[in-house]
Amino acid sequence: MLRSAACVAAIALVTAGGASAEVVARGVQDGLLALDANGAPSVVWVHHSTLYLATRTGPHHWTRTGTASVPAGSSAVAFQIGAAGPVMLVQSGDDRTVVLVRRRSVGWETIRVAKVGALFRVGWPGLALDRQGQPAISYTRWNAPTLKSRLLLSRVNAKGGVSTRRITQEGFPKSLVPPPSAPVLFGDVAHVVESYGYRGVLGTIEWFPSKQDWTGLGLDAGLGDYPLGPVFAGLSPNGTMHAAWTESLLSFDTEAAPVTLVDRRRFASSAFVLNRALASALVLPATGPEVAANQWIGAGDLGLEGDAFLWAGTIVRAQNKVELDGWISGFAVAPHGGRDVLLGGPEGLRWLHVPRRISTRVTIEAADDGVSVIVSGRVDGVASGTVTLYRERPGEPRTAIGRATISGGEYSFVDDPPERPLVYRAVYTDPTTGVPYGALLRKPVGLGG
């Protein structure tokens, strides 16, 4: 499944540590981030057969707790902190079981939400918390031989009781993969956003209760293969519903795997906001939706064999795109402004806080004469400082080749690479926040040369 593939692929990414970046978990490639009502961050991840939670209790100090034993190969797939404390969803590696883990007055409680037989799989589930911090979980039960699915919504009460409602029936919609879904709470009323792909059509539906039944509102539809990874959905402060996910269009265009963002108030509108990227978070401040995703360059893009990738975490707000040097595992808006970021990679999970919207943009371009390569670009809003430059090839450790001085917002560096093809990455680490802003060259140098 995509969840496991993304974690494995992220191992190839080496990230640059910022001065104030805090390592939460060494040797852990991927995790999830959530903030409590006061803005205190917590991070969850699975290591071996244990679900861990770490909460920041002071500068560079995180208190770690093993919250539950889970099957080997499981992943944390959703995480929120509400009025009753942290709530996590964990999905087994075979996609047949989903459990909910939450804090109780004494210890931790594990509740099985879904378990299916050998012929079935559970679609990537979604989580929302009501005002009391009680969970709503959406998930699909997908039949692998027939491709039929059933969308379900479970509510968990304070005593641990689970009530489940069936939203769709008769196997609708069919899908080539287990459809991912996400609940959205309008007060205490749950809507569910579900995405699916079947026979060249990719669609996304918002389901809402209507008397004793459910009604589906089409949010987006078009030619495509199937959704990749989770669906993210929520309400902005003005009451607009937003959803974001990645869709595979690779059967129609080998370069196309866009992130789609939907806005729905009375009517729905959708747009592609990023290409060749896996959506990893959606945040909804009053200033407008922001999507975090991880863009990739594959070995095949450099004419190399294998399935290794290079990753570039990217945050999109309206027409603005800001790239980071790292795999973005989590992204959140602090209650009093600012942004929290969780970066993954071989150095482990690293947390950073920025007191304002992330906006520093780095660019990169390369001119190759066959011997030397001139690497140059800009760092917006930065008059002086340095950028670190790297040579990179998918599946290989990257090489730092030097630092280029920023002058008037621009930098330039001459390199004599020992081999081609390759790509370059420029990284500017903010001296105040430690955020590693980056730019990964998308057009390989020396391809076919």
Protein backbone atom coordinates (compact mmCIF):
# COMPACT_ATOMS: atom_id res chain seq x y z
CA MET A 1 0.00 0.00 0.00
CA LEU A 2 0.99 3.63 -0.49
CA ARG A 3 1.44 4.17 3.25
CA SER A 4 4.26 1.63 3.49
CA ALA A 5 5.80 2.59 0.15
CA ALA A 6 5.98 6.23 1.14
CA CYS A 7 7.75 5.42 4.39
CA VAL A 8 10.28 3.18 2.64
CA ALA A 9 10.90 5.72 -0.09
CA ALA A 10 11.46 8.46 2.47
CA ILE A 11 14.48 6.56 3.79
CA ALA A 12 16.38 7.78 0.73
CA LEU A 13 15.86 11.40 1.74
CA VAL A 14 18.52 13.04 3.87
CA THR A 15 17.40 16.26 5.50
CA ALA A 16 19.38 19.19 6.80
CA GLY A 17 19.00 20.00 10.49
CA GLY A 18 18.07 23.54 11.44
CA ALA A 19 19.48 25.35 14.47
CA SER A 20 16.22 25.10 16.40
CA ALA A 21 14.86 21.87 14.92
CA GLU A 22 14.00 19.44 17.70
CA VAL A 23 14.48 15.72 17.15
CA VAL A 24 11.41 13.91 18.46
CA ALA A 25 12.28 10.33 17.51
CA ARG A 26 15.61 9.21 16.06
CA GLY A 27 15.59 6.57 13.35
CA VAL A 28 11.85 6.98 12.70
CA GLN A 29 10.94 7.84 9.12
CA ASP A 30 7.31 8.95 9.39
CA GLY A 31 4.76 10.04 12.00
CA LEU A 32 1.80 12.33 12.65
CA LEU A 33 1.54 15.73 14.34
CA ALA A 34 -1.27 17.35 16.35
CA LEU A 35 -1.60 20.39 18.62
CA ASP A 36 -3.74 20.75 21.73
CA ALA A 37 -5.92 23.79 22.43
CA ASN A 38 -2.93 25.67 23.86
CA GLY A 39 -0.72 24.87 20.88
CA ALA A 40 1.43 22.23 22.62
CA PRO A 41 2.57 19.74 19.95
CA SER A 42 2.43 15.97 20.17
CA VAL A 43 3.74 13.39 17.71
CA VAL A 44 2.72 9.76 17.24
CA TRP A 45 4.44 6.92 15.40
CA VAL A 46 4.67 3.14 15.35
CA HIS A 47 7.99 1.44 16.06
CA HIS A 48 8.09 -2.35 15.84
CA SER A 49 4.84 -3.29 17.64
CA THR A 50 4.32 -0.22 19.83
CA LEU A 51 2.38 2.98 19.22
CA TYR A 52 4.32 5.86 20.77
CA LEU A 53 3.20 9.35 21.66
CA ALA A 54 5.65 12.16 22.45
CA THR A 55 4.51 15.52 23.87
CA ARG A 56 6.69 18.60 24.02
CA THR A 57 7.07 19.66 27.65
CA GLY A 58 9.85 22.21 27.19
CA PRO A 59 12.48 23.42 24.73
CA HIS A 60 14.17 20.36 23.23
CA HIS A 61 12.34 18.14 25.74
CA TRP A 62 9.72 15.60 24.70
CA THR A 63 8.01 13.14 27.04
CA ARG A 64 7.54 9.78 25.32
CA THR A 65 4.88 7.20 26.19
CA GLY A 66 4.18 3.76 24.76
CA THR A 67 0.39 3.87 24.43
CA ALA A 68 -0.56 0.52 22.91
CA SER A 69 0.73 -2.73 21.44
CA VAL A 70 -0.21 -3.09 17.77
CA PRO A 71 0.50 -5.74 15.11
CA ALA A 72 3.92 -5.53 13.49
CA GLY A 73 3.79 -3.52 10.27
CA SER A 74 0.98 -1.25 11.52
CA SER A 75 0.93 2.51 10.85
CA ALA A 76 -0.57 5.50 12.61
CA VAL A 77 -3.02 6.89 10.03
CA ALA A 78 -4.89 9.67 11.88
CA PHE A 79 -4.23 11.76 14.98
CA GLN A 80 -6.10 14.57 16.71
CA ILE A 81 -6.19 16.13 20.17
CA GLY A 82 -9.56 17.21 21.50
CA ALA A 83 -11.28 18.12 24.74
CA ALA A 84 -10.81 14.58 26.09
CA GLY A 85 -7.16 14.29 25.05
CA PRO A 86 -5.26 12.61 22.20
CA VAL A 87 -6.97 10.14 19.87
CA MET A 88 -5.10 8.00 17.32
CA LEU A 89 -6.13 5.58 14.59
CA VAL A 90 -3.82 2.68 13.73
CA GLN A 91 -4.22 0.47 10.67
CA SER A 92 -2.62 -2.96 10.34
CA GLY A 93 -0.08 -3.63 7.60
CA ASP A 94 -2.48 -5.96 5.79
CA ASP A 95 -5.20 -3.26 5.83
CA ARG A 96 -7.68 -5.56 7.53
CA THR A 97 -7.87 -3.99 11.00
CA VAL A 98 -8.29 -0.47 12.39
CA VAL A 99 -8.05 0.33 16.09
CA LEU A 100 -8.57 3.54 18.01
CA VAL A 101 -6.25 4.44 20.89
CA ARG A 102 -7.10 7.22 23.34
CA ARG A 103 -6.10 8.49 26.72
CA ARG A 104 -8.29 7.66 29.71
CA SER A 105 -8.18 8.93 33.29
CA VAL A 106 -5.83 6.05 34.03
CA GLY A 107 -3.72 4.71 31.18
CA TRP A 108 -4.77 4.20 27.60
CA GLU A 109 -7.75 2.53 25.94
CA THR A 110 -7.65 0.52 22.70
CA ILE A 111 -10.91 0.01 20.81
CA ARG A 112 -11.25 -2.08 17.68
CA VAL A 113 -13.13 -0.08 15.07
CA ALA A 114 -12.95 -2.38 12.04
CA LYS A 115 -11.82 -5.91 11.23
CA VAL A 116 -12.49 -7.63 7.90
CA GLY A 117 -11.93 -11.10 6.46
CA ALA A 118 -9.17 -12.31 4.15
CA LEU A 119 -10.91 -11.20 0.93
CA PHE A 120 -11.51 -7.66 2.18
CA ARG A 121 -9.49 -4.56 2.93
CA VAL A 122 -10.23 -1.41 4.92
CA GLY A 123 -9.80 1.88 3.08
CA TRP A 124 -7.63 4.60 4.61
CA PRO A 125 -9.82 5.79 7.51
CA GLY A 126 -10.52 9.34 8.66
CA LEU A 127 -10.98 10.83 12.12
CA ALA A 128 -12.84 13.83 13.53
CA LEU A 129 -13.52 14.81 17.17
CA ASP A 130 -16.71 16.45 18.43
CA ARG A 131 -16.84 19.26 21.00
CA GLN A 132 -16.51 16.76 23.85
CA GLY A 133 -13.51 15.12 22.16
CA GLN A 134 -15.43 11.97 21.23
CA PRO A 135 -14.38 10.37 17.91
CA ALA A 136 -16.14 9.94 14.59
CA ILE A 137 -14.39 7.49 12.26
CA SER A 138 -15.14 6.86 8.60
CA TYR A 139 -13.80 3.90 6.64
CA THR A 140 -14.68 1.65 3.72
CA ARG A 141 -14.97 -2.11 3.63
CA TRP A 142 -13.60 -3.08 0.21
CA ASN A 143 -14.06 -6.45 -1.49
CA ALA A 144 -10.84 -7.27 -3.38
CA PRO A 145 -12.29 -9.86 -5.83
CA THR A 146 -15.37 -7.80 -6.79
CA LEU A 147 -14.00 -4.25 -6.22
CA LYS A 148 -17.25 -3.39 -4.42
CA SER A 149 -17.15 -1.19 -1.35
CA ARG A 150 -19.24 -0.16 1.61
CA LEU A 151 -18.75 3.16 3.42
CA LEU A 152 -19.26 3.14 7.19
CA LEU A 153 -19.30 5.74 9.95
CA SER A 154 -18.56 4.82 13.56
CA ARG A 155 -19.09 7.03 16.60
CA VAL A 156 -17.40 6.22 19.91
CA ASN A 157 -18.93 7.45 23.17
CA ALA A 158 -17.25 8.36 26.43
CA LYS A 159 -17.71 4.85 27.81
CA GLY A 160 -16.05 3.22 24.81
CA GLY A 161 -19.21 2.05 23.09
CA VAL A 162 -19.08 1.99 19.28
CA SER A 163 -22.15 2.62 17.10
CA THR A 164 -21.75 2.15 13.35
CA ARG A 165 -23.94 3.35 10.49
CA ARG A 166 -23.78 2.09 6.94
CA ILE A 167 -23.67 4.98 4.46
CA THR A 168 -23.50 3.18 1.10
CA GLN A 169 -24.89 -0.17 0.05
CA GLU A 170 -25.00 -2.64 -2.83
CA GLY A 171 -21.26 -2.30 -3.34
CA PHE A 172 -21.30 1.33 -4.48
CA PRO A 173 -18.93 2.72 -5.48
CA LYS A 174 -16.70 0.13 -7.09
CA SER A 175 -13.05 1.09 -6.92
CA LEU A 176 -9.69 -0.26 -8.07
CA VAL A 177 -8.32 0.45 -4.57
CA PRO A 178 -9.96 0.64 -1.14
CA PRO A 179 -11.58 4.11 -1.14
CA PRO A 180 -10.13 6.52 1.43
CA SER A 181 -12.52 8.72 3.39
CA ALA A 182 -12.67 11.49 5.99
CA PRO A 183 -15.49 12.66 8.28
CA VAL A 184 -16.35 16.34 8.71
CA LEU A 185 -18.45 17.49 11.65
CA PHE A 186 -21.05 20.22 11.12
CA GLY A 187 -21.83 20.65 14.81
CA ASP A 188 -22.73 17.11 15.86
CA VAL A 189 -23.78 16.07 12.36
CA ALA A 190 -21.17 14.05 10.47
CA HIS A 191 -20.63 14.30 6.74
CA VAL A 192 -18.15 11.96 5.04
CA VAL A 193 -15.92 12.69 2.03
CA GLU A 194 -15.03 9.58 0.00
CA SER A 195 -12.83 9.21 -3.10
CA TYR A 196 -12.74 6.27 -5.53
CA GLY A 197 -11.55 5.26 -8.99
CA TYR A 198 -13.03 2.73 -11.38
CA ARG A 199 -12.78 2.09 -15.14
CA GLY A 200 -11.05 5.36 -15.95
CA VAL A 201 -13.27 7.57 -13.81
CA LEU A 202 -12.09 9.11 -10.56
CA GLY A 203 -14.74 10.63 -8.34
CA THR A 204 -15.08 12.21 -4.90
CA ILE A 205 -18.39 12.40 -3.03
CA GLU A 206 -19.55 14.19 0.10
CA TRP A 207 -22.14 12.06 1.91
CA PHE A 208 -24.57 13.65 4.39
CA PRO A 209 -27.54 12.26 6.35
CA SER A 210 -30.98 12.86 4.92
CA LYS A 211 -33.85 11.60 7.08
CA GLN A 212 -33.12 7.89 7.56
CA ASP A 213 -30.80 7.64 4.56
CA TRP A 214 -27.70 9.29 3.12
CA THR A 215 -27.37 11.60 0.12
CA GLY A 216 -24.23 12.01 -1.95
CA LEU A 217 -23.04 15.32 -3.38
CA GLY A 218 -20.44 15.08 -6.14
CA LEU A 219 -17.41 17.22 -5.28
CA ASP A 220 -15.13 16.26 -8.16
CA ALA A 221 -15.14 13.81 -11.06
CA GLY A 222 -13.08 13.22 -14.17
CA LEU A 223 -10.78 10.89 -16.01
CA GLY A 224 -8.36 9.14 -13.70
CA ASP A 225 -7.16 5.94 -12.11
CA TYR A 226 -7.74 6.03 -8.35
CA PRO A 227 -6.93 8.07 -5.22
CA LEU A 228 -3.45 7.75 -3.70
CA GLY A 229 -3.23 7.85 0.08
CA PRO A 230 -5.64 9.57 2.46
CA VAL A 231 -8.37 12.15 2.04
CA PHE A 232 -8.10 15.24 4.26
CA ALA A 233 -11.22 17.28 5.00
CA GLY A 234 -12.48 19.93 7.40
CA LEU A 235 -14.29 23.21 7.91
CA SER A 236 -12.66 26.63 7.65
CA PRO A 237 -13.61 29.34 10.17
CA ASN A 238 -16.17 30.77 7.73
CA GLY A 239 -17.96 27.42 7.42
CA THR A 240 -16.61 26.38 4.01
CA MET A 241 -15.87 22.69 3.67
CA HIS A 242 -12.49 21.86 2.14
CA ALA A 243 -10.98 18.54 1.11
CA ALA A 244 -7.64 17.54 -0.40
CA TRP A 245 -6.20 14.31 -1.75
CA THR A 246 -3.86 12.93 -4.43
CA GLU A 247 -5.19 11.27 -7.56
CA SER A 248 -3.37 9.00 -9.95
CA LEU A 249 -3.75 9.96 -13.60
CA LEU A 250 -0.68 7.96 -14.65
CA SER A 251 -2.62 5.78 -17.09
CA PHE A 252 -3.41 8.94 -19.06
CA ASP A 253 -0.21 10.90 -18.43
CA THR A 254 2.94 9.35 -16.97
CA GLU A 255 3.77 12.67 -15.30
CA ALA A 256 0.38 13.25 -13.69
CA ALA A 257 -0.42 12.58 -10.04
CA PRO A 258 -1.99 15.86 -8.92
CA VAL A 259 -3.12 17.02 -5.51
CA THR A 260 -6.73 18.19 -5.73
CA LEU A 261 -8.24 20.82 -3.43
CA VAL A 262 -12.01 21.21 -3.17
CA ASP A 263 -13.92 24.15 -1.70
CA ARG A 264 -17.61 23.58 -1.02
CA ARG A 265 -19.98 26.11 0.45
CA ARG A 266 -23.22 26.02 -1.50
CA PHE A 267 -21.54 24.67 -4.62
CA ALA A 268 -18.29 22.76 -5.01
CA SER A 269 -15.25 23.85 -6.99
CA SER A 270 -12.02 21.93 -7.39
CA ALA A 271 -8.53 22.64 -8.66
CA PHE A 272 -5.20 20.89 -9.08
CA VAL A 273 -2.78 22.68 -6.74
CA LEU A 274 0.36 20.55 -7.14
CA ASN A 275 1.58 17.75 -9.42
CA ARG A 276 3.47 14.53 -8.71
CA ALA A 277 2.90 14.82 -4.98
CA LEU A 278 1.43 12.84 -2.09
CA ALA A 279 -0.86 14.96 0.08
CA SER A 280 0.14 14.84 3.75
CA ALA A 281 -1.90 17.54 5.52
CA LEU A 282 -4.63 20.15 5.10
CA VAL A 283 -4.88 23.11 7.48
CA LEU A 284 -7.65 25.69 7.48
CA PRO A 285 -6.72 29.06 9.00
CA ALA A 286 -8.88 32.13 8.45
CA THR A 287 -6.49 33.25 5.70
CA GLY A 288 -7.40 30.29 3.49
CA PRO A 289 -6.59 26.61 3.06
CA GLU A 290 -2.99 25.40 3.02
CA VAL A 291 -2.01 21.97 1.70
CA ALA A 292 1.19 20.12 2.58
CA ALA A 293 2.40 17.45 0.17
CA ASN A 294 5.56 15.63 -0.85
CA GLN A 295 6.65 15.92 -4.47
CA TRP A 296 8.95 13.34 -6.00
CA ILE A 297 11.58 12.66 -8.64
CA GLY A 298 12.02 8.97 -9.48
CA ALA A 299 15.03 7.03 -10.68
CA GLY A 300 13.35 6.70 -14.06
CA ASP A 301 13.33 10.48 -14.45
CA LEU A 302 17.12 10.33 -14.53
CA GLY A 303 17.18 7.32 -16.85
CA LEU A 304 18.27 5.09 -13.95
CA GLU A 305 16.98 1.68 -12.99
CA GLY A 306 15.10 0.98 -9.80
CA ASP A 307 12.23 2.54 -7.91
CA ALA A 308 14.07 4.94 -5.59
CA PHE A 309 12.79 8.48 -5.13
CA LEU A 310 13.90 11.93 -4.06
CA TRP A 311 11.32 13.91 -2.11
CA ALA A 312 10.59 17.61 -1.72
CA GLY A 313 8.05 18.66 0.89
CA THR A 314 5.90 21.51 -0.42
CA ILE A 315 3.30 23.77 1.18
CA VAL A 316 0.71 25.37 -1.08
CA ARG A 317 -1.41 28.39 -0.25
CA ALA A 318 -3.42 29.87 -3.13
CA GLN A 319 -0.82 30.47 -5.85
CA ASN A 320 2.15 30.38 -3.48
CA LYS A 321 4.33 27.29 -3.18
CA VAL A 322 7.09 26.95 -0.58
CA GLU A 323 9.43 23.97 -0.64
CA LEU A 324 11.19 22.44 2.37
CA ASP A 325 14.19 20.16 2.52
CA GLY A 326 12.46 17.13 3.97
CA TRP A 327 9.52 14.76 3.87
CA ILE A 328 6.58 16.62 5.48
CA SER A 329 4.97 14.16 7.90
CA GLY A 330 2.81 16.71 9.68
CA PHE A 331 1.69 20.32 9.38
CA ALA A 332 -0.52 22.30 11.76
CA VAL A 333 -1.71 25.84 12.50
CA ALA A 334 -0.98 27.05 16.02
CA PRO A 335 -3.99 28.48 17.94
CA HIS A 336 -2.39 31.94 18.19
CA GLY A 337 -0.82 31.97 14.74
CA GLY A 338 2.26 30.43 13.27
CA ARG A 339 2.82 26.98 11.84
CA ASP A 340 4.18 23.73 13.23
CA VAL A 341 5.97 21.32 10.89
CA LEU A 342 7.01 17.70 11.39
CA LEU A 343 9.76 16.56 9.02
CA GLY A 344 10.71 12.92 8.50
CA GLY A 345 13.85 11.28 7.14
CA PRO A 346 16.90 9.26 8.22
CA GLU A 347 17.69 11.75 10.99
CA GLY A 348 14.35 10.88 12.52
CA LEU A 349 11.23 12.92 13.15
CA ARG A 350 12.03 16.62 13.60
CA TRP A 351 9.66 19.32 14.83
CA LEU A 352 9.86 23.01 14.04
CA HIS A 353 7.69 26.01 14.85
CA VAL A 354 7.45 29.17 12.78
CA PRO A 355 5.73 32.18 14.41
CA ARG A 356 4.14 33.21 11.12
CA ARG A 357 2.99 31.70 7.84
CA ILE A 358 5.72 29.78 6.03
CA SER A 359 6.63 31.95 3.05
CA THR A 360 10.37 31.86 2.22
CA ARG A 361 10.72 30.56 -1.33
CA VAL A 362 13.98 29.20 -2.77
CA THR A 363 14.50 28.71 -6.51
CA ILE A 364 17.14 26.76 -8.41
CA GLU A 365 18.32 26.37 -12.01
CA ALA A 366 21.37 24.80 -13.62
CA ALA A 367 23.39 25.52 -16.79
CA ASP A 368 25.59 22.63 -17.99
CA ASP A 369 28.35 23.02 -20.60
CA GLY A 370 29.33 19.36 -20.40
CA VAL A 371 32.19 19.98 -17.97
CA SER A 372 31.03 22.46 -15.36
CA VAL A 373 27.56 23.22 -14.06
CA ILE A 374 26.52 26.68 -12.90
CA VAL A 375 23.87 26.30 -10.19
CA SER A 376 22.02 29.50 -9.33
CA GLY A 377 18.79 30.80 -7.89
CA ARG A 378 17.06 33.10 -5.44
CA VAL A 379 15.97 33.12 -1.80
CA ASP A 380 12.99 35.44 -1.59
CA GLY A 381 13.09 38.00 1.17
CA VAL A 382 16.67 37.14 2.23
CA ALA A 383 19.36 39.71 1.46
CA SER A 384 22.35 37.82 2.84
CA GLY A 385 23.42 34.47 4.24
CA THR A 386 24.30 31.17 2.60
CA VAL A 387 22.66 28.22 0.90
CA THR A 388 24.03 24.68 1.05
CA LEU A 389 24.16 22.88 -2.28
CA TYR A 390 23.87 19.13 -2.78
CA ARG A 391 24.30 16.66 -5.62
CA GLU A 392 21.57 14.03 -5.55
CA ARG A 393 20.62 10.81 -7.31
CA PRO A 394 17.66 8.63 -6.25
CA GLY A 395 18.68 5.73 -4.03
CA GLU A 396 22.15 7.16 -3.22
CA PRO A 397 23.40 9.29 -0.31
CA ARG A 398 23.51 12.90 -1.35
CA THR A 399 26.73 14.89 -1.37
CA ALA A 400 27.16 18.40 -0.01
CA ILE A 401 29.31 20.27 -2.51
CA GLY A 402 29.63 23.62 -0.78
CA ARG A 403 27.97 26.80 0.38
CA ALA A 404 27.00 29.67 -1.86
CA THR A 405 26.77 33.21 -0.55
CA ILE A 406 23.46 35.03 -0.90
CA SER A 407 23.90 38.52 -2.24
CA GLY A 408 20.86 40.67 -2.92
CA GLY A 409 18.68 37.58 -2.60
CA GLU A 410 20.63 35.66 -5.28
CA TYR A 411 23.24 32.89 -5.17
CA SER A 412 25.49 31.13 -7.69
CA PHE A 413 27.89 28.17 -7.53
CA VAL A 414 30.07 26.33 -10.08
CA ASP A 415 30.35 22.55 -9.80
CA ASP A 416 32.32 19.92 -11.73
CA PRO A 417 30.23 16.78 -11.14
CA PRO A 418 32.09 13.43 -11.39
CA GLU A 419 29.05 11.71 -12.94
CA ARG A 420 25.83 12.46 -14.72
CA PRO A 421 22.84 12.46 -14.77
CA LEU A 422 22.08 14.07 -11.43
CA VAL A 423 20.00 16.79 -9.85
CA TYR A 424 20.92 19.54 -7.41
CA ARG A 425 19.21 20.80 -4.29
CA ALA A 426 19.69 24.18 -2.63
CA VAL A 427 18.89 24.53 1.08
CA TYR A 428 18.59 27.76 3.04
CA THR A 429 18.22 27.18 6.79
CA ASP A 430 16.52 30.09 8.53
CA PRO A 431 18.88 31.12 11.36
CA THR A 432 15.98 32.07 13.64
CA THR A 433 13.53 29.20 13.22
CA GLY A 434 15.81 26.47 11.87
CA VAL A 435 13.37 25.71 9.03
CA PRO A 436 15.27 24.23 6.06
CA TYR A 437 13.77 25.88 2.99
CA GLY A 438 14.79 24.08 -0.17
CA ALA A 439 14.60 23.81 -3.93
CA LEU A 440 15.08 20.49 -5.72
CA LEU A 441 16.03 20.80 -9.40
CA ARG A 442 13.31 19.13 -11.42
CA LYS A 443 15.18 18.90 -14.75
CA PRO A 444 18.13 16.48 -14.45
CA VAL A 445 21.59 17.62 -15.51
CA GLY A 446 23.33 15.45 -18.12
CA LEU A 447 20.35 13.30 -19.01
CA GLY A 448 21.16 11.67 -22.31
CA GLY A 449 24.50 13.43 -22.48
